Amino acid sequence: MAQRSTLTATEQAFVQRQRAARLATADENGHPTLIPICYAFDGRVFYTPLDEKPKSVPGTQLKRVHNIQVRHEAALLIDQYSDDWSQLGYILIHAHAELLFPPAEQHDQALQLLRARYVQYQTMKLEQSAVIVLTPERITSWGPAI
């Protein structure tokens, strides 16, 4: 099967139906970090903010931020589980990851998408925080739900 970097229309619909994903990054020694995230997809790239949810360190000191600064590789897993296994499905996206800082125009666009998708972001002060941008490089999907 040939590698591809764009989602099919069916995969895009699946991505839009899901509310959370898991983001994997690795440090300079290859040690992985995996966290749940909220995301928005503009049809080309995925965005996830460094938001105001409680964290043990400032956003700029998060492990995922460090990992992206030293290795621009990431994986995004968007999945759906059901006890009815005919409804299982996932999309695994290997991506180039970068940090997008304000006042970039793309930063404003990302915040608009995130706020439209998650009501919680409408009152958060995201304008001064970075957004992680994930550009798909290789996509794998599976399942009857896809």
Protein backbone atom coordinates (compact mmCIF):
# COMPACT_ATOMS: atom_id res chain seq x y z
CA MET A 1 0.00 0.00 0.00
CA ALA A 2 1.33 3.43 -0.93
CA GLN A 3 1.98 5.96 1.78
CA ARG A 4 -0.32 8.95 1.81
CA SER A 5 -0.43 12.24 3.67
CA THR A 6 -4.02 13.36 3.10
CA LEU A 7 -7.18 12.07 4.71
CA THR A 8 -10.00 10.67 2.61
CA ALA A 9 -13.44 12.26 2.89
CA THR A 10 -14.56 9.32 5.06
CA GLU A 11 -11.56 9.75 7.36
CA GLN A 12 -12.19 13.49 7.61
CA ALA A 13 -15.77 12.82 8.68
CA PHE A 14 -14.52 10.32 11.31
CA VAL A 15 -12.00 12.90 12.62
CA GLN A 16 -14.72 15.53 12.94
CA ARG A 17 -17.00 13.14 14.88
CA GLN A 18 -14.41 12.38 17.55
CA ARG A 19 -13.84 14.79 20.46
CA ALA A 20 -10.38 13.79 21.71
CA ALA A 21 -7.15 12.27 20.47
CA ARG A 22 -3.81 11.09 21.83
CA LEU A 23 -0.60 12.92 20.94
CA ALA A 24 2.70 11.07 21.08
CA THR A 25 6.05 12.87 21.01
CA ALA A 26 9.56 11.74 21.91
CA ASP A 27 12.54 13.47 23.45
CA GLU A 28 16.05 13.66 22.01
CA ASN A 29 16.77 10.14 23.32
CA GLY A 30 13.60 8.67 21.86
CA HIS A 31 11.74 8.40 25.18
CA PRO A 32 8.02 8.71 24.37
CA THR A 33 5.36 10.88 25.94
CA LEU A 34 1.67 10.26 25.27
CA ILE A 35 -1.13 12.61 26.29
CA PRO A 36 -4.82 13.12 25.49
CA ILE A 37 -5.59 16.32 23.59
CA CYS A 38 -8.38 18.39 22.11
CA TYR A 39 -7.86 19.25 18.45
CA ALA A 40 -9.22 20.98 15.40
CA PHE A 41 -8.65 19.96 11.79
CA ASP A 42 -8.82 22.41 8.90
CA GLY A 43 -8.74 19.78 6.14
CA ARG A 44 -4.96 19.98 5.88
CA VAL A 45 -3.40 20.22 9.37
CA PHE A 46 -4.36 19.54 12.98
CA TYR A 47 -4.15 22.13 15.77
CA THR A 48 -3.97 21.65 19.52
CA PRO A 49 -3.49 24.56 21.91
CA LEU A 50 -1.39 25.02 25.00
CA ASP A 51 -4.50 25.93 26.93
CA GLU A 52 -5.37 27.02 30.47
CA LYS A 53 -6.31 23.62 31.85
CA PRO A 54 -4.37 23.03 35.10
CA LYS A 55 -0.79 21.90 34.49
CA SER A 56 2.12 21.27 36.83
CA VAL A 57 4.47 23.54 34.85
CA PRO A 58 4.05 26.58 32.57
CA GLY A 59 2.98 25.75 29.00
CA THR A 60 6.40 26.54 27.57
CA GLN A 61 7.96 23.92 29.88
CA LEU A 62 5.62 21.06 29.01
CA LYS A 63 7.31 17.83 27.94
CA ARG A 64 5.49 17.85 24.61
CA VAL A 65 6.78 21.37 23.88
CA HIS A 66 10.37 20.35 24.63
CA ASN A 67 9.98 17.20 22.54
CA ILE A 68 8.65 19.14 19.54
CA GLN A 69 11.52 21.63 19.85
CA VAL A 70 14.14 18.85 19.70
CA ARG A 71 12.32 16.44 17.34
CA HIS A 72 9.61 17.58 15.02
CA GLU A 73 8.14 14.08 14.85
CA ALA A 74 4.78 13.24 16.41
CA ALA A 75 1.98 10.74 16.12
CA LEU A 76 -1.70 11.52 16.54
CA LEU A 77 -4.14 8.71 17.29
CA ILE A 78 -7.84 9.41 16.85
CA ASP A 79 -9.94 6.41 17.76
CA GLN A 80 -13.42 5.22 18.53
CA TYR A 81 -14.17 2.37 20.93
CA SER A 82 -17.45 0.57 21.35
CA ASP A 83 -18.46 -2.68 23.02
CA ASP A 84 -20.06 -3.32 19.64
CA TRP A 85 -16.86 -4.13 17.82
CA SER A 86 -18.47 -3.43 14.47
CA GLN A 87 -18.14 0.25 15.51
CA LEU A 88 -14.38 0.24 16.19
CA GLY A 89 -12.05 2.46 14.21
CA TYR A 90 -8.91 4.53 14.33
CA ILE A 91 -6.73 6.86 12.33
CA LEU A 92 -3.01 7.03 13.09
CA ILE A 93 -1.29 10.10 11.74
CA HIS A 94 2.49 10.38 11.71
CA ALA A 95 3.13 14.09 11.48
CA HIS A 96 5.63 16.90 11.37
CA ALA A 97 5.05 18.92 14.55
CA GLU A 98 5.83 22.57 15.10
CA LEU A 99 4.91 25.33 17.49
CA LEU A 100 2.94 28.26 16.14
CA PHE A 101 3.22 31.49 18.10
CA PRO A 102 1.10 34.62 17.95
CA PRO A 103 0.71 36.94 16.11
CA ALA A 104 0.88 34.60 13.09
CA GLU A 105 -2.27 34.70 10.95
CA GLN A 106 -2.44 30.91 11.07
CA HIS A 107 -2.50 31.17 14.90
CA ASP A 108 -5.69 33.25 14.74
CA GLN A 109 -7.25 30.78 12.30
CA ALA A 110 -6.37 27.88 14.61
CA LEU A 111 -8.01 29.60 17.58
CA GLN A 112 -11.18 30.23 15.57
CA LEU A 113 -11.42 26.54 14.69
CA LEU A 114 -10.68 25.41 18.24
CA ARG A 115 -13.23 27.79 19.75
CA ALA A 116 -15.89 26.68 17.27
CA ARG A 117 -15.26 23.04 18.21
CA TYR A 118 -14.92 23.38 22.02
CA VAL A 119 -17.11 25.82 23.93
CA GLN A 120 -14.59 25.71 26.81
CA TYR A 121 -12.02 27.54 24.66
CA GLN A 122 -14.35 30.48 24.07
CA THR A 123 -13.47 31.99 27.46
CA MET A 124 -9.82 30.91 27.67
CA LYS A 125 -7.06 33.40 26.94
CA LEU A 126 -5.33 31.52 24.15
CA GLU A 127 -4.10 34.52 22.15
CA GLN A 128 -0.71 34.64 23.91
CA SER A 129 -0.05 30.89 23.95
CA ALA A 130 1.47 28.68 21.31
CA VAL A 131 -0.54 26.22 19.27
CA ILE A 132 0.90 22.89 18.14
CA VAL A 133 0.49 22.33 14.40
CA LEU A 134 0.59 18.74 13.12
CA THR A 135 1.09 18.30 9.39
CA PRO A 136 0.31 14.73 8.30
CA GLU A 137 3.13 12.85 6.60
CA ARG A 138 1.79 9.27 6.77
CA ILE A 139 -1.75 8.12 7.52
CA THR A 140 -3.06 4.71 8.49
CA SER A 141 -6.69 3.96 9.23
CA TRP A 142 -8.61 0.87 10.20
CA GLY A 143 -12.01 -0.29 11.25
CA PRO A 144 -15.59 -0.62 10.23
CA ALA A 145 -16.36 2.77 11.78
CA ILE A 146 -14.05 4.56 9.35
